[in-house]
Amino acid sequence: MSFTLIGKHEKDSRANRDGYVTAMEEMMKADRNVVHIDCDLYNCINTAKLEKEFPGQCFNAGIAEADAVGVAAGMTAAGKTAFVHSFGCFASRRAFDQAFMSAAYAKLPVHIIGSDPGVCAAYNGGTHMPFEDCALYMSIPDAVVIDPTDYAMIHCLTKKLAESKKFSYMRMVRKGIVKVYDDGADFEIGKGVTLKEGKDVTIIASGIMVDEALKAQEALEAEGVSAKVVDMFTWKPIDEELIVASAKETGAIVTAENHQVNCGLGSAVAQVVAKNCPVPMEMVGVQNRFGQVGAQNFLQEEYNLTAADIVAAVKKAIARK
């Protein structure tokens, strides 16, 4: 792995979805067996350009997510490397049985992409706001589940998923995300990355919460608290070695996720900690609630998904040491 941390808390001028689209374009040029299946969302995910350039490698299944996953499984069985996309709510809840039976159970490495997870669904509201998408896919044996951070990571991991030969689910924000890593960064599926070293507490975050964790680290440093920050973009298989080492080094852990804490990153980390090195833990994330309509910044405040919430959780965890 290699990366350059930007850490300026600035929005990327590019749409996040184009990290996926550009990676697919590069793979499609190199291999005609790489295919993309969409659910009438070409314009939303910006894959219309792929359909124009590679008409024989792009397929629109319409508003029929279960069928789309079934088609992807069939293509994979025939030797294709198939990616299938829909909004995260439909890519998980609506298509789960087909993903489980037609793809994962059949040991077919279909790659499912769910866009705008959690509060990132914003004005699409609670019906389109999956706080449980990763939980569903984490329940599948041998699945790979990823919550990537930004454009550079999505570009890298899309290619790594194609190489993995594993059934996978990757959620991603479509637009307007903070640039955390410089282009050309290289990541390894199943391995978290340490962004900041610290000795008092470890903050383990993913997705949109990575930048919030970095903001929290800066605020804590100003108060004399030394926080280690880890980007745990792979939720399954999770990096147990890094979690255990961090627990031993800092003696307290706070997780931060754009997902239900009782069935997501927080619970996955807690299982590792409880089994190997019990330390005080706090979890920042959605606390047993449904979604609602609103701007993303409002929703992050509403669901306590901010740097200030991480700082408060860190203080609680340290007080329990």
Protein backbone atom coordinates (compact mmCIF):
# COMPACT_ATOMS: atom_id res chain seq x y z
CA MET A 1 0.00 0.00 0.00
CA SER A 2 1.08 3.57 -0.65
CA PHE A 3 -0.73 6.86 -0.36
CA THR A 4 -0.32 10.57 0.21
CA LEU A 5 -2.71 12.06 2.76
CA ILE A 6 -4.17 15.40 1.64
CA GLY A 7 -6.05 16.21 4.85
CA LYS A 8 -7.13 19.76 3.91
CA HIS A 9 -10.87 19.09 4.41
CA GLU A 10 -11.64 20.38 0.91
CA LYS A 11 -14.25 18.99 -1.45
CA ASP A 12 -12.97 17.24 -4.56
CA SER A 13 -13.82 19.17 -7.72
CA ARG A 14 -14.66 15.86 -9.39
CA ALA A 15 -17.73 13.72 -8.85
CA ASN A 16 -16.86 10.78 -6.63
CA ARG A 17 -18.69 8.38 -8.95
CA ASP A 18 -16.11 9.12 -11.65
CA GLY A 19 -13.49 7.28 -9.62
CA TYR A 20 -15.55 4.17 -10.38
CA VAL A 21 -16.36 5.13 -13.96
CA THR A 22 -12.74 5.90 -14.84
CA ALA A 23 -11.56 2.61 -13.36
CA MET A 24 -14.22 0.72 -15.30
CA GLU A 25 -13.25 2.53 -18.50
CA GLU A 26 -9.63 1.49 -18.06
CA MET A 27 -10.57 -2.12 -17.31
CA MET A 28 -13.07 -2.34 -20.20
CA LYS A 29 -10.44 -1.14 -22.67
CA ALA A 30 -8.04 -3.81 -21.45
CA ASP A 31 -10.53 -6.67 -21.13
CA ARG A 32 -13.76 -7.12 -23.10
CA ASN A 33 -15.00 -9.51 -20.41
CA VAL A 34 -15.43 -6.65 -17.92
CA VAL A 35 -19.10 -5.64 -17.91
CA HIS A 36 -21.30 -3.10 -16.14
CA ILE A 37 -25.00 -3.64 -15.43
CA ASP A 38 -27.12 -0.70 -14.33
CA CYS A 39 -30.66 -0.26 -13.07
CA ASP A 40 -31.84 2.66 -15.21
CA LEU A 41 -29.31 4.92 -13.47
CA TYR A 42 -26.78 5.61 -16.24
CA ASN A 43 -27.11 9.36 -15.83
CA CYS A 44 -27.06 9.24 -12.01
CA ILE A 45 -23.82 7.28 -11.84
CA ASN A 46 -22.34 8.78 -15.04
CA THR A 47 -22.01 5.39 -16.69
CA ALA A 48 -23.80 6.66 -19.81
CA LYS A 49 -20.32 7.44 -21.17
CA LEU A 50 -19.35 3.79 -20.69
CA GLU A 51 -22.46 2.66 -22.57
CA LYS A 52 -21.54 4.91 -25.50
CA GLU A 53 -17.92 3.79 -25.60
CA PHE A 54 -18.47 0.11 -24.79
CA PRO A 55 -22.04 -0.73 -25.92
CA GLY A 56 -21.35 -4.46 -25.84
CA GLN A 57 -20.11 -4.29 -22.24
CA CYS A 58 -22.86 -2.18 -20.66
CA PHE A 59 -26.39 -3.35 -19.97
CA ASN A 60 -29.43 -1.56 -18.58
CA ALA A 61 -31.60 -3.93 -16.56
CA GLY A 62 -34.17 -1.22 -15.87
CA ILE A 63 -35.76 -0.65 -12.49
CA ALA A 64 -35.37 -4.32 -11.61
CA GLU A 65 -32.50 -4.75 -9.18
CA ALA A 66 -33.13 -8.42 -8.45
CA ASP A 67 -33.06 -9.20 -12.17
CA ALA A 68 -29.89 -7.14 -12.56
CA VAL A 69 -28.07 -9.23 -9.96
CA GLY A 70 -29.36 -12.42 -11.57
CA VAL A 71 -28.05 -11.25 -14.95
CA ALA A 72 -24.70 -10.37 -13.36
CA ALA A 73 -24.50 -13.85 -11.82
CA GLY A 74 -25.24 -15.48 -15.17
CA MET A 75 -22.63 -13.38 -16.93
CA THR A 76 -20.08 -14.19 -14.24
CA ALA A 77 -20.82 -17.90 -14.62
CA ALA A 78 -20.11 -17.45 -18.33
CA GLY A 79 -16.68 -15.94 -17.64
CA LYS A 80 -17.42 -12.22 -17.41
CA THR A 81 -16.22 -9.88 -14.64
CA ALA A 82 -19.54 -8.29 -13.73
CA PHE A 83 -20.24 -5.12 -11.77
CA VAL A 84 -23.85 -4.18 -11.06
CA HIS A 85 -25.02 -0.81 -9.71
CA SER A 86 -28.07 0.69 -8.09
CA PHE A 87 -28.79 3.09 -5.26
CA GLY A 88 -27.57 1.55 -2.00
CA CYS A 89 -31.08 0.95 -0.66
CA PHE A 90 -32.05 -1.11 -3.72
CA ALA A 91 -28.65 -2.72 -4.21
CA SER A 92 -28.96 -4.16 -0.71
CA ARG A 93 -32.53 -4.60 0.56
CA ARG A 94 -34.26 -5.22 -2.74
CA ALA A 95 -31.67 -7.46 -4.37
CA PHE A 96 -30.37 -9.32 -1.33
CA ASP A 97 -31.94 -12.72 -1.97
CA GLN A 98 -30.59 -12.85 -5.51
CA ALA A 99 -27.19 -11.62 -4.33
CA PHE A 100 -27.12 -14.32 -1.67
CA MET A 101 -28.45 -17.25 -3.70
CA SER A 102 -27.60 -16.57 -7.34
CA ALA A 103 -24.18 -15.04 -6.73
CA ALA A 104 -22.57 -15.65 -3.33
CA TYR A 105 -24.00 -19.11 -2.60
CA ALA A 106 -23.05 -20.15 -6.13
CA LYS A 107 -19.51 -18.86 -5.46
CA LEU A 108 -19.74 -16.36 -8.29
CA PRO A 109 -17.66 -13.19 -7.75
CA VAL A 110 -20.30 -10.62 -8.66
CA HIS A 111 -19.40 -7.07 -7.62
CA ILE A 112 -22.34 -5.01 -6.36
CA ILE A 113 -22.05 -1.21 -6.12
CA GLY A 114 -24.52 0.67 -3.89
CA SER A 115 -24.47 4.43 -4.28
CA ASP A 116 -25.44 7.19 -1.82
CA PRO A 117 -25.48 5.14 1.39
CA GLY A 118 -26.72 6.46 4.73
CA VAL A 119 -27.16 10.22 5.08
CA CYS A 120 -25.60 10.74 1.64
CA ALA A 121 -29.01 9.93 0.14
CA ALA A 122 -29.98 13.38 1.50
CA TYR A 123 -33.10 14.73 -0.25
CA ASN A 124 -34.09 11.29 -1.53
CA GLY A 125 -35.18 10.70 2.05
CA GLY A 126 -35.66 7.81 4.42
CA THR A 127 -36.91 5.33 1.82
CA HIS A 128 -33.62 5.74 -0.08
CA MET A 129 -31.35 5.99 2.98
CA PRO A 130 -29.75 2.63 3.81
CA PHE A 131 -28.19 2.49 7.25
CA GLU A 132 -28.09 -1.32 7.07
CA ASP A 133 -26.74 -2.11 3.59
CA CYS A 134 -23.32 -3.27 4.79
CA ALA A 135 -24.91 -5.31 7.59
CA LEU A 136 -26.80 -7.41 5.06
CA TYR A 137 -23.72 -8.13 3.00
CA MET A 138 -21.49 -8.72 6.03
CA SER A 139 -23.78 -11.63 6.90
CA ILE A 140 -22.77 -13.47 3.70
CA PRO A 141 -19.91 -15.97 4.17
CA ASP A 142 -16.64 -14.94 2.48
CA ALA A 143 -18.09 -11.68 1.13
CA VAL A 144 -15.96 -8.55 0.77
CA VAL A 145 -17.64 -5.39 2.10
CA ILE A 146 -16.10 -1.96 1.51
CA ASP A 147 -16.94 1.62 2.54
CA PRO A 148 -14.41 3.69 0.55
CA THR A 149 -13.28 7.19 1.45
CA ASP A 150 -12.89 9.20 -1.74
CA TYR A 151 -12.28 9.29 -5.49
CA ALA A 152 -8.70 7.97 -5.34
CA MET A 153 -9.68 5.03 -3.15
CA ILE A 154 -12.70 4.09 -5.27
CA HIS A 155 -10.56 4.17 -8.41
CA CYS A 156 -8.03 1.85 -6.81
CA LEU A 157 -10.45 -0.55 -5.13
CA THR A 158 -12.70 -1.02 -8.15
CA LYS A 159 -9.72 -2.57 -9.91
CA LYS A 160 -8.71 -4.55 -6.82
CA LEU A 161 -12.23 -6.01 -6.58
CA ALA A 162 -12.07 -7.17 -10.19
CA GLU A 163 -8.80 -8.95 -9.39
CA SER A 164 -10.05 -10.45 -6.12
CA LYS A 165 -12.36 -13.11 -7.58
CA LYS A 166 -14.54 -12.59 -4.47
CA PHE A 167 -18.21 -11.73 -4.21
CA SER A 168 -18.33 -8.13 -3.03
CA TYR A 169 -20.41 -5.12 -2.04
CA MET A 170 -18.97 -1.61 -2.21
CA ARG A 171 -21.00 1.44 -1.19
CA MET A 172 -20.01 4.88 -2.43
CA VAL A 173 -21.09 8.51 -2.46
CA ARG A 174 -21.91 9.75 -5.96
CA LYS A 175 -20.92 13.42 -5.66
CA GLY A 176 -19.46 16.05 -3.38
CA ILE A 177 -16.98 14.25 -1.16
CA VAL A 178 -13.88 15.54 0.62
CA LYS A 179 -10.56 14.67 -0.99
CA VAL A 180 -8.56 12.72 1.59
CA TYR A 181 -5.97 10.94 -0.60
CA ASP A 182 -3.94 12.10 -3.56
CA ASP A 183 -4.47 10.39 -6.91
CA GLY A 184 -2.48 7.23 -7.52
CA ALA A 185 -2.95 5.94 -3.98
CA ASP A 186 -2.76 2.17 -3.62
CA PHE A 187 -4.75 0.21 -1.04
CA GLU A 188 -5.12 -3.44 -0.13
CA ILE A 189 -8.50 -5.04 0.47
CA GLY A 190 -8.69 -6.22 4.08
CA LYS A 191 -5.97 -3.88 5.36
CA GLY A 192 -6.77 -0.65 7.19
CA VAL A 193 -4.44 2.34 6.93
CA THR A 194 -3.11 4.47 9.77
CA LEU A 195 -3.46 8.17 8.92
CA LYS A 196 -2.31 9.65 12.23
CA GLU A 197 -0.34 8.13 15.09
CA GLY A 198 -1.48 8.66 18.67
CA LYS A 199 -1.19 7.20 22.16
CA ASP A 200 -4.39 8.06 24.08
CA VAL A 201 -7.15 6.66 21.85
CA THR A 202 -7.70 5.15 18.41
CA ILE A 203 -10.41 6.50 16.11
CA ILE A 204 -11.41 3.89 13.53
CA ALA A 205 -13.51 5.38 10.72
CA SER A 206 -14.58 4.78 7.12
CA GLY A 207 -16.28 6.57 4.25
CA ILE A 208 -17.44 10.13 4.92
CA MET A 209 -16.45 9.75 8.57
CA VAL A 210 -12.72 9.60 7.79
CA ASP A 211 -12.51 13.36 7.23
CA GLU A 212 -14.63 13.91 10.36
CA ALA A 213 -12.16 11.73 12.27
CA LEU A 214 -9.24 13.81 10.99
CA LYS A 215 -11.02 17.00 12.07
CA ALA A 216 -11.63 15.44 15.49
CA GLN A 217 -7.96 14.48 15.76
CA GLU A 218 -6.96 18.09 15.17
CA ALA A 219 -9.42 19.37 17.77
CA LEU A 220 -8.25 16.80 20.31
CA GLU A 221 -4.60 17.60 19.65
CA ALA A 222 -5.34 21.23 20.49
CA GLU A 223 -6.63 20.01 23.86
CA GLY A 224 -3.59 17.83 24.52
CA VAL A 225 -5.21 14.51 23.57
CA SER A 226 -3.19 12.27 21.25
CA ALA A 227 -5.49 10.35 18.88
CA LYS A 228 -4.52 7.68 16.39
CA VAL A 229 -6.70 7.71 13.25
CA VAL A 230 -7.32 4.57 11.18
CA ASP A 231 -9.21 4.35 7.89
CA MET A 232 -10.89 0.94 8.08
CA PHE A 233 -12.40 0.96 4.59
CA THR A 234 -12.76 -2.82 4.46
CA TRP A 235 -15.41 -3.94 6.94
CA LYS A 236 -15.14 -7.57 5.87
CA PRO A 237 -12.63 -9.14 6.03
CA ILE A 238 -11.67 -6.68 8.76
CA ASP A 239 -8.06 -5.97 9.70
CA GLU A 240 -7.94 -7.73 13.07
CA GLU A 241 -4.19 -7.30 13.42
CA LEU A 242 -4.39 -3.51 13.17
CA ILE A 243 -7.36 -3.32 15.54
CA VAL A 244 -5.66 -5.42 18.22
CA ALA A 245 -2.38 -3.52 17.89
CA SER A 246 -4.24 -0.21 18.19
CA ALA A 247 -6.17 -1.38 21.25
CA LYS A 248 -2.93 -2.39 22.94
CA GLU A 249 -1.15 0.85 21.98
CA THR A 250 -3.84 3.33 23.00
CA GLY A 251 -6.11 1.48 25.44
CA ALA A 252 -9.36 2.96 24.04
CA ILE A 253 -11.21 2.87 20.71
CA VAL A 254 -13.88 5.01 19.07
CA THR A 255 -15.50 3.92 15.81
CA ALA A 256 -17.21 6.28 13.35
CA GLU A 257 -19.52 5.19 10.54
CA ASN A 258 -22.37 6.38 8.31
CA HIS A 259 -24.36 3.25 9.21
CA GLN A 260 -26.22 1.60 12.07
CA VAL A 261 -23.64 0.99 14.80
CA ASN A 262 -25.29 -2.19 16.06
CA CYS A 263 -24.64 -4.08 12.83
CA GLY A 264 -21.80 -2.27 11.09
CA LEU A 265 -18.22 -1.13 11.58
CA GLY A 266 -18.62 -0.53 15.31
CA SER A 267 -19.97 -3.99 15.99
CA ALA A 268 -17.34 -5.61 13.76
CA VAL A 269 -14.53 -3.82 15.62
CA ALA A 270 -16.13 -4.63 18.98
CA GLN A 271 -16.11 -8.35 18.19
CA VAL A 272 -12.37 -8.22 17.55
CA VAL A 273 -11.68 -6.12 20.65
CA ALA A 274 -13.84 -8.25 22.96
CA LYS A 275 -12.16 -11.43 21.79
CA ASN A 276 -8.55 -10.26 21.76
CA CYS A 277 -7.92 -7.14 23.84
CA PRO A 278 -10.91 -5.68 25.71
CA VAL A 279 -10.62 -1.90 26.08
CA PRO A 280 -13.21 0.89 26.52
CA MET A 281 -15.09 1.51 23.26
CA GLU A 282 -17.55 4.13 22.05
CA MET A 283 -19.38 4.06 18.72
CA VAL A 284 -20.30 7.10 16.64
CA GLY A 285 -22.95 6.26 14.06
CA VAL A 286 -26.67 5.87 13.53
CA GLN A 287 -28.33 4.73 16.73
CA ASN A 288 -31.30 2.50 15.85
CA ARG A 289 -33.09 5.06 13.66
CA PHE A 290 -34.65 5.34 10.22
CA GLY A 291 -33.59 7.96 7.68
CA GLN A 292 -35.31 11.22 6.74
CA VAL A 293 -35.21 14.02 4.16
CA GLY A 294 -32.65 16.80 4.45
CA ALA A 295 -29.35 18.28 3.38
CA GLN A 296 -26.38 16.05 4.20
CA ASN A 297 -24.81 18.53 6.63
CA PHE A 298 -28.14 18.78 8.49
CA LEU A 299 -28.46 14.99 8.58
CA GLN A 300 -24.93 14.55 9.90
CA GLU A 301 -25.83 16.86 12.77
CA GLU A 302 -29.18 15.14 13.29
CA TYR A 303 -27.64 11.65 13.46
CA ASN A 304 -24.53 12.73 15.40
CA LEU A 305 -22.09 12.02 12.58
CA THR A 306 -19.74 14.98 13.06
CA ALA A 307 -16.22 15.66 14.29
CA ALA A 308 -17.72 17.14 17.49
CA ASP A 309 -19.54 13.86 18.14
CA ILE A 310 -16.29 11.94 17.69
CA VAL A 311 -14.52 14.28 20.12
CA ALA A 312 -17.26 13.73 22.72
CA ALA A 313 -17.04 9.96 22.25
CA VAL A 314 -13.25 10.05 22.60
CA LYS A 315 -13.54 11.85 25.93
CA LYS A 316 -16.04 9.29 27.18
CA ALA A 317 -13.82 6.37 26.10
CA ILE A 318 -10.70 7.86 27.71
CA ALA A 319 -12.60 8.54 30.93
CA ARG A 320 -13.39 4.81 31.11
CA LYS A 321 -9.76 3.71 30.84
